[in-house]
Protein backbone atom coordinates (compact mmCIF):
# COMPACT_ATOMS: atom_id res chain seq x y z
CA MET A 1 0.11 0.03 -0.12
CA GLY A 2 1.68 3.24 -1.01
CA GLU A 3 2.84 3.42 -4.69
CA HIS A 4 5.10 6.33 -4.83
CA ARG A 5 5.20 8.79 -7.74
CA ASP A 6 8.75 10.37 -8.08
CA PRO A 7 8.76 13.95 -9.02
CA GLY A 8 11.72 12.94 -11.37
CA GLU A 9 9.95 10.06 -13.04
CA PRO A 10 10.14 10.48 -16.80
CA MET A 11 7.07 11.87 -18.57
CA THR A 12 5.55 10.23 -21.61
CA ASP A 13 5.08 11.97 -24.93
CA ASP A 14 1.39 11.64 -24.35
CA VAL A 15 -0.74 14.59 -23.06
CA ARG A 16 -1.41 14.10 -19.39
CA SER A 17 -5.11 13.90 -18.62
CA ILE A 18 -6.23 14.89 -15.30
CA LEU A 19 -9.86 14.88 -14.21
CA VAL A 20 -11.28 17.81 -12.28
CA VAL A 21 -14.44 17.10 -10.38
CA ALA A 22 -16.16 20.16 -8.67
CA HIS A 23 -19.59 20.87 -7.26
CA ALA A 24 -19.65 24.16 -9.15
CA HIS A 25 -22.71 25.59 -7.43
CA ARG A 26 -20.78 27.75 -4.97
CA ASP A 27 -18.56 30.78 -6.08
CA GLU A 28 -15.75 29.65 -3.91
CA THR A 29 -15.66 26.14 -5.71
CA VAL A 30 -15.85 27.93 -9.10
CA ARG A 31 -12.84 29.96 -8.26
CA ALA A 32 -10.99 27.10 -7.00
CA ALA A 33 -11.76 25.09 -10.24
CA ALA A 34 -10.46 27.98 -12.27
CA ARG A 35 -7.15 28.00 -10.33
CA VAL A 36 -6.87 24.20 -10.80
CA ILE A 37 -7.55 24.21 -14.60
CA SER A 38 -5.15 27.17 -15.13
CA ALA A 39 -2.50 25.39 -13.11
CA LEU A 40 -2.94 22.12 -15.16
CA ARG A 41 -2.90 23.95 -18.45
CA ASP A 42 0.23 25.93 -17.49
CA ALA A 43 1.88 22.69 -16.79
CA GLY A 44 1.08 21.22 -20.17
CA ALA A 45 -1.66 18.89 -18.80
CA GLN A 46 -5.24 18.54 -20.11
CA PRO A 47 -7.98 19.12 -17.58
CA VAL A 48 -10.87 16.77 -18.13
CA LEU A 49 -14.39 17.25 -16.70
CA ALA A 50 -17.52 15.10 -16.52
CA SER A 51 -20.24 16.45 -18.82
CA ASP A 52 -22.46 18.01 -16.12
CA ASP A 53 -19.43 19.73 -14.40
CA ARG A 54 -18.16 21.00 -17.81
CA ASP A 55 -21.56 22.55 -18.41
CA ASP A 56 -21.82 24.30 -15.16
CA LEU A 57 -18.25 25.50 -15.25
CA ARG A 58 -18.33 26.73 -18.86
CA ALA A 59 -21.44 28.86 -17.78
CA ALA A 60 -19.48 30.36 -14.97
CA LEU A 61 -16.10 30.49 -16.63
CA PRO A 62 -16.68 31.25 -20.43
CA GLU A 63 -13.19 32.43 -20.80
CA PHE A 64 -11.90 28.73 -20.57
CA GLY A 65 -13.49 27.89 -23.87
CA ASP A 66 -13.87 24.17 -24.57
CA LEU A 67 -12.94 21.61 -21.96
CA ALA A 68 -12.37 17.97 -22.63
CA VAL A 69 -15.31 15.78 -21.50
CA LEU A 70 -14.83 12.42 -19.77
CA GLY A 71 -15.95 9.50 -21.85
CA VAL A 72 -16.33 11.67 -24.84
CA ASP A 73 -12.95 13.19 -25.57
CA VAL A 74 -10.98 11.19 -23.05
CA PRO A 75 -11.63 7.59 -21.94
CA VAL A 76 -11.68 7.02 -18.26
CA GLY A 77 -8.58 4.59 -18.78
CA ASP A 78 -6.49 7.60 -19.88
CA ILE A 79 -7.17 9.53 -16.75
CA GLU A 80 -4.04 9.78 -14.59
CA LEU A 81 -5.48 11.35 -11.51
CA ALA A 82 -8.84 12.89 -10.33
CA ILE A 83 -8.55 16.20 -8.40
CA VAL A 84 -11.71 16.64 -6.33
CA LEU A 85 -13.02 20.08 -5.04
CA GLY A 86 -15.74 19.41 -2.51
CA GLY A 87 -16.84 17.40 0.34
CA ASP A 88 -17.21 13.74 0.89
CA GLY A 89 -20.18 13.54 -1.42
CA THR A 90 -18.14 14.94 -4.35
CA ILE A 91 -15.34 12.58 -3.50
CA LEU A 92 -17.61 9.71 -3.60
CA ARG A 93 -18.91 10.85 -6.93
CA ALA A 94 -15.35 11.13 -8.35
CA ALA A 95 -14.58 7.53 -7.19
CA GLU A 96 -17.75 6.45 -9.20
CA LEU A 97 -16.48 8.40 -12.16
CA VAL A 98 -13.11 6.65 -12.27
CA ARG A 99 -14.29 3.36 -11.18
CA ASP A 100 -13.55 1.84 -14.51
CA GLY A 101 -10.01 3.09 -14.70
CA LEU A 102 -6.98 3.19 -12.27
CA ALA A 103 -6.79 6.88 -11.53
CA PRO A 104 -6.43 7.76 -7.89
CA VAL A 105 -8.64 10.30 -6.31
CA LEU A 106 -7.07 13.44 -4.43
CA GLY A 107 -9.72 15.31 -2.33
CA ILE A 108 -9.47 18.97 -1.53
CA ASN A 109 -11.99 19.71 1.05
CA MET A 110 -14.44 22.55 0.06
CA GLY A 111 -17.16 21.33 2.42
CA HIS A 112 -17.58 20.72 6.23
CA VAL A 113 -15.97 17.67 7.72
CA GLY A 114 -14.59 16.32 4.52
CA PHE A 115 -13.24 13.05 6.12
CA LEU A 116 -12.27 11.50 2.74
CA ALA A 117 -10.32 14.67 1.68
CA GLU A 118 -6.60 14.82 1.87
CA ILE A 119 -6.02 18.46 2.44
CA GLU A 120 -7.90 21.65 3.23
CA ARG A 121 -8.71 24.41 0.69
CA ASP A 122 -5.96 26.73 2.11
CA ASP A 123 -3.30 24.19 0.93
CA MET A 124 -4.86 23.72 -2.53
CA ASP A 125 -2.09 25.42 -4.70
CA ASP A 126 0.59 23.29 -3.04
CA ALA A 127 -1.41 20.21 -3.59
CA VAL A 128 -2.09 20.97 -7.24
CA ARG A 129 1.66 21.52 -7.59
CA ARG A 130 2.67 18.29 -6.02
CA ALA A 131 -0.04 16.47 -8.17
CA ILE A 132 1.43 17.85 -11.28
CA ALA A 133 4.88 16.74 -10.17
CA ARG A 134 3.38 13.26 -9.50
CA ASP A 135 4.65 13.87 -5.83
CA TYR A 136 2.16 11.60 -3.96
CA GLU A 137 1.44 8.06 -2.76
CA VAL A 138 -1.36 5.92 -3.82
CA GLU A 139 -3.36 4.20 -0.90
CA GLU A 140 -5.74 1.41 -1.76
CA ARG A 141 -9.03 1.23 0.18
CA LEU A 142 -11.17 -1.86 0.63
CA ALA A 143 -14.28 -1.59 -1.44
CA LEU A 144 -17.66 -3.72 -1.38
CA GLN A 145 -19.09 -5.72 -4.20
CA VAL A 146 -22.95 -5.62 -3.84
CA GLN A 147 -25.38 -8.05 -5.56
CA VAL A 148 -29.19 -8.34 -5.30
CA GLU A 149 -30.50 -11.70 -5.72
CA ASP A 150 -34.26 -12.58 -6.52
CA THR A 151 -36.21 -15.54 -4.95
CA GLY A 152 -34.64 -17.86 -7.58
CA ASP A 153 -31.15 -16.71 -6.49
CA ARG A 154 -30.71 -14.89 -9.84
CA VAL A 155 -28.52 -11.77 -9.64
CA ILE A 156 -30.77 -8.95 -10.77
CA TYR A 157 -28.58 -6.07 -9.73
CA GLU A 158 -24.91 -5.32 -9.02
CA THR A 159 -23.04 -2.42 -7.88
CA TRP A 160 -20.16 -1.45 -5.48
CA ALA A 161 -19.54 0.79 -2.46
CA LEU A 162 -16.63 2.51 -0.99
CA ASN A 163 -18.46 3.73 2.30
CA GLU A 164 -21.33 1.42 2.94
CA ALA A 165 -24.24 -0.62 1.55
CA THR A 166 -27.38 0.08 3.45
CA VAL A 167 -30.49 -2.01 3.42
CA GLU A 168 -33.40 0.25 4.51
CA LYS A 169 -37.08 0.22 4.92
CA ALA A 170 -38.82 2.21 1.94
CA SER A 171 -41.93 3.25 4.08
CA ARG A 172 -41.41 5.30 7.28
CA GLU A 173 -44.47 3.59 8.82
CA ARG A 174 -43.44 -0.04 8.25
CA MET A 175 -40.76 -2.03 9.76
CA LEU A 176 -38.31 -4.17 7.78
CA GLU A 177 -38.04 -7.96 8.53
CA VAL A 178 -34.69 -9.33 7.78
CA VAL A 179 -32.33 -12.17 8.39
CA ILE A 180 -28.56 -11.60 8.64
CA GLU A 181 -26.38 -14.25 7.15
CA VAL A 182 -22.59 -14.90 7.24
CA ASP A 183 -20.94 -17.30 4.86
CA GLY A 184 -24.17 -19.04 4.04
CA ARG A 185 -25.21 -19.55 7.64
CA PRO A 186 -28.17 -17.63 9.36
CA LEU A 187 -27.05 -15.56 12.17
CA SER A 188 -30.31 -13.81 13.52
CA SER A 189 -33.61 -12.42 12.26
CA PHE A 190 -35.31 -9.36 13.51
CA GLY A 191 -37.50 -6.41 12.69
CA CYS A 192 -35.52 -3.09 12.12
CA ASP A 193 -35.18 0.17 10.25
CA GLY A 194 -32.40 -1.33 8.22
CA VAL A 195 -28.94 -2.75 8.29
CA VAL A 196 -25.60 -0.92 7.47
CA ILE A 197 -22.77 -2.79 6.01
CA SER A 198 -19.65 -0.66 6.06
CA THR A 199 -15.96 -0.58 4.97
CA PRO A 200 -13.16 0.91 7.26
CA THR A 201 -13.31 3.95 4.98
CA GLY A 202 -16.98 4.41 5.67
CA SER A 203 -16.80 3.56 9.35
CA THR A 204 -16.69 7.22 10.21
CA ALA A 205 -19.75 7.82 8.17
CA TYR A 206 -23.31 6.26 8.43
CA ASN A 207 -21.74 3.34 10.39
CA PHE A 208 -20.50 5.73 12.92
CA SER A 209 -23.75 7.61 13.35
CA ALA A 210 -25.57 4.38 13.72
CA GLY A 211 -23.34 3.31 16.74
CA GLY A 212 -20.86 1.09 14.89
CA PRO A 213 -17.10 1.06 15.59
CA VAL A 214 -14.60 3.27 14.00
CA ILE A 215 -12.23 0.97 12.06
CA TRP A 216 -8.64 2.10 11.23
CA PRO A 217 -8.05 2.23 7.56
CA THR A 218 -5.17 -0.29 7.73
CA VAL A 219 -7.56 -2.82 9.21
CA GLU A 220 -9.24 -4.85 6.48
CA ALA A 221 -12.68 -5.62 7.85
CA ILE A 222 -16.42 -5.30 7.12
CA ALA A 223 -18.71 -3.92 9.78
CA VAL A 224 -22.53 -4.96 10.12
CA VAL A 225 -24.65 -2.67 12.16
CA PRO A 226 -28.54 -3.07 12.53
CA LEU A 227 -30.54 0.00 12.69
CA SER A 228 -33.15 0.32 15.51
CA ALA A 229 -33.63 -3.42 15.71
CA HIS A 230 -36.25 -5.14 17.67
CA ALA A 231 -34.13 -7.91 19.00
CA LEU A 232 -32.04 -9.14 21.88
CA PHE A 233 -29.13 -9.98 19.69
CA ALA A 234 -28.52 -6.88 17.29
CA GLU A 235 -25.18 -5.54 18.21
CA PRO A 236 -22.69 -4.28 15.61
CA LEU A 237 -20.54 -7.13 14.13
CA VAL A 238 -17.11 -6.97 12.58
CA VAL A 239 -16.07 -9.76 10.17
CA GLY A 240 -13.01 -10.28 8.11
CA PRO A 241 -12.65 -9.31 4.54
CA GLU A 242 -12.77 -12.97 3.29
CA HIS A 243 -16.41 -13.32 4.69
CA VAL A 244 -19.66 -12.91 2.81
CA VAL A 245 -22.41 -11.08 4.47
CA ALA A 246 -26.07 -11.35 3.13
CA ILE A 247 -29.11 -9.54 4.24
CA GLU A 248 -32.43 -11.27 3.26
CA VAL A 249 -35.67 -9.40 3.26
CA LEU A 250 -38.09 -11.89 4.74
CA GLU A 251 -41.18 -12.81 2.86
CA ARG A 252 -43.37 -11.81 5.76
CA THR A 253 -42.19 -8.28 5.37
CA ASN A 254 -45.13 -5.97 4.77
CA GLY A 255 -43.82 -3.59 2.05
CA VAL A 256 -40.48 -3.16 0.19
CA GLY A 257 -37.01 -2.31 1.30
CA ILE A 258 -34.41 -0.41 -0.59
CA LEU A 259 -30.71 -0.79 -1.12
CA TRP A 260 -28.48 2.35 -0.98
CA CYS A 261 -24.76 2.27 -1.80
CA ASP A 262 -22.76 5.40 -0.74
CA GLY A 263 -26.06 7.30 -0.68
CA ARG A 264 -25.68 7.45 -4.57
CA ARG A 265 -26.92 4.32 -6.12
CA SER A 266 -30.27 2.52 -5.08
CA HIS A 267 -32.33 -0.58 -5.96
CA ASP A 268 -35.77 -1.56 -4.65
CA LEU A 269 -35.92 -4.78 -2.56
CA PRO A 270 -39.18 -6.54 -2.69
CA PRO A 271 -39.93 -9.41 0.00
CA GLY A 272 -37.63 -12.35 -0.52
CA ALA A 273 -34.87 -10.25 -2.11
CA ARG A 274 -31.23 -11.04 -0.82
CA VAL A 275 -28.44 -8.43 -0.68
CA VAL A 276 -25.10 -10.23 -0.83
CA VAL A 277 -22.00 -8.21 0.15
CA ARG A 278 -18.42 -9.22 -0.20
CA ARG A 279 -14.99 -7.69 -0.56
CA SER A 280 -14.55 -6.08 -4.07
CA PRO A 281 -11.65 -7.42 -6.12
CA ARG A 282 -11.07 -3.84 -7.12
CA PRO A 283 -9.99 -1.34 -4.30
CA VAL A 284 -10.56 2.44 -4.53
CA ARG A 285 -7.32 4.30 -4.90
CA LEU A 286 -6.70 7.49 -2.98
CA ALA A 287 -3.95 9.94 -3.56
CA ARG A 288 -2.19 10.85 -0.37
CA LEU A 289 0.25 13.79 0.18
CA HIS A 290 0.96 13.46 3.89
CA PRO A 291 1.54 10.34 5.86
CA ALA A 292 -0.36 11.59 8.80
CA ALA A 293 -1.58 9.32 11.57
CA PHE A 294 -5.27 8.35 11.31
CA THR A 295 -5.66 9.36 14.98
CA ASP A 296 -4.70 12.99 14.11
CA ARG A 297 -7.31 12.84 11.37
CA LEU A 298 -10.10 11.67 13.75
CA VAL A 299 -9.03 14.35 16.37
CA ARG A 300 -9.14 17.12 13.70
CA LYS A 301 -12.12 16.11 11.84
CA PHE A 302 -14.35 15.60 14.83
CA ARG A 303 -12.65 18.20 16.93
CA LEU A 304 -12.09 15.67 19.75
CA PRO A 305 -10.86 17.16 23.11
CA VAL A 306 -7.22 16.20 23.74
CA ASP A 307 -6.33 19.13 26.11
CA GLY A 308 -4.06 17.99 28.86
CA TRP A 309 -2.36 15.22 26.87
CA ARG A 310 1.27 14.87 28.15
CA GLY A 311 2.37 12.53 25.29
CA PRO A 312 5.12 9.97 25.42
CA ALA A 313 8.57 10.92 26.49
CA VAL A 314 9.96 9.46 23.18
CA PRO A 315 8.16 10.00 19.88
CA VAL A 316 6.41 6.88 18.64
CA THR A 317 8.36 5.04 15.90
CA GLY A 318 7.15 6.02 12.31
CA TYR A 319 5.20 9.10 13.64
CA ASP A 320 6.24 12.30 12.24
CA THR A 321 5.27 15.16 14.31
CA ALA A 322 5.76 17.58 11.36
CA VAL A 323 2.64 16.15 9.69
CA ALA A 324 0.50 15.78 12.69
CA ASP A 325 -1.83 18.55 11.48
CA ALA A 326 -1.95 17.23 7.85
């Protein structure tokens, strides 16, 4: 984990294509996108945008003229890196855009918490300079492969998730009746509002809000957290990445459920449907500029109280205090 890009690595003769993903409905984000696009062009790289982003930015920044469009002018396989200006939702969208390629995602937080973002907006110019110089490491994060099966065990829908796959009730007034299964064996059945199946990356998102554990990114595991379950045994579970978790919507359920993956992709779940979740063979690649400890990221993003900490007499091996605030 950690493919290093040397700043002195020889360039190819091909034009470097770098995807810029921006939620361009805020003036601040539009201005940031203009700076990134200008910096890329000045370095001889080709900025590429998704079609919706291109239309939004072209309306706000007509001086840039035509911009290359992902999937039209440049295939996803030719994208070297995705630079994302936004919060976690925009970063998840970028991961979806480059899913069929190998480009890592570099998040610049323009939102609030921005847990997936690598840096804050004040450090944007330096981040873009280092991205152009290929001065970053690539960190691979566990992703989920998600399949929906019908009552005949046929796969009728397939997708993936970086943060979580959530089985939820579709109607507020009705409870969802489910049974949890691990590796083909039933574990427990109960009525509930839903079940969250999370990666370590998503453990600080919906999983955390639902009472699930925070899992360090270096731990390969899958968390299973029932939502408002009517059961004696409905505590969060953590299983290894080699295990397969399934959530079956019982036939006696009065109504339908719905599957959500990363809050972006959904599919209806009629009674009898099964959602099967396993480790995806394809991880999500994140570009990292600073080898900061995950503990520091938790403290900074959640503003955790650490006043009064004395600290170890000798620095912990491998911990660089120069990047503690990164």
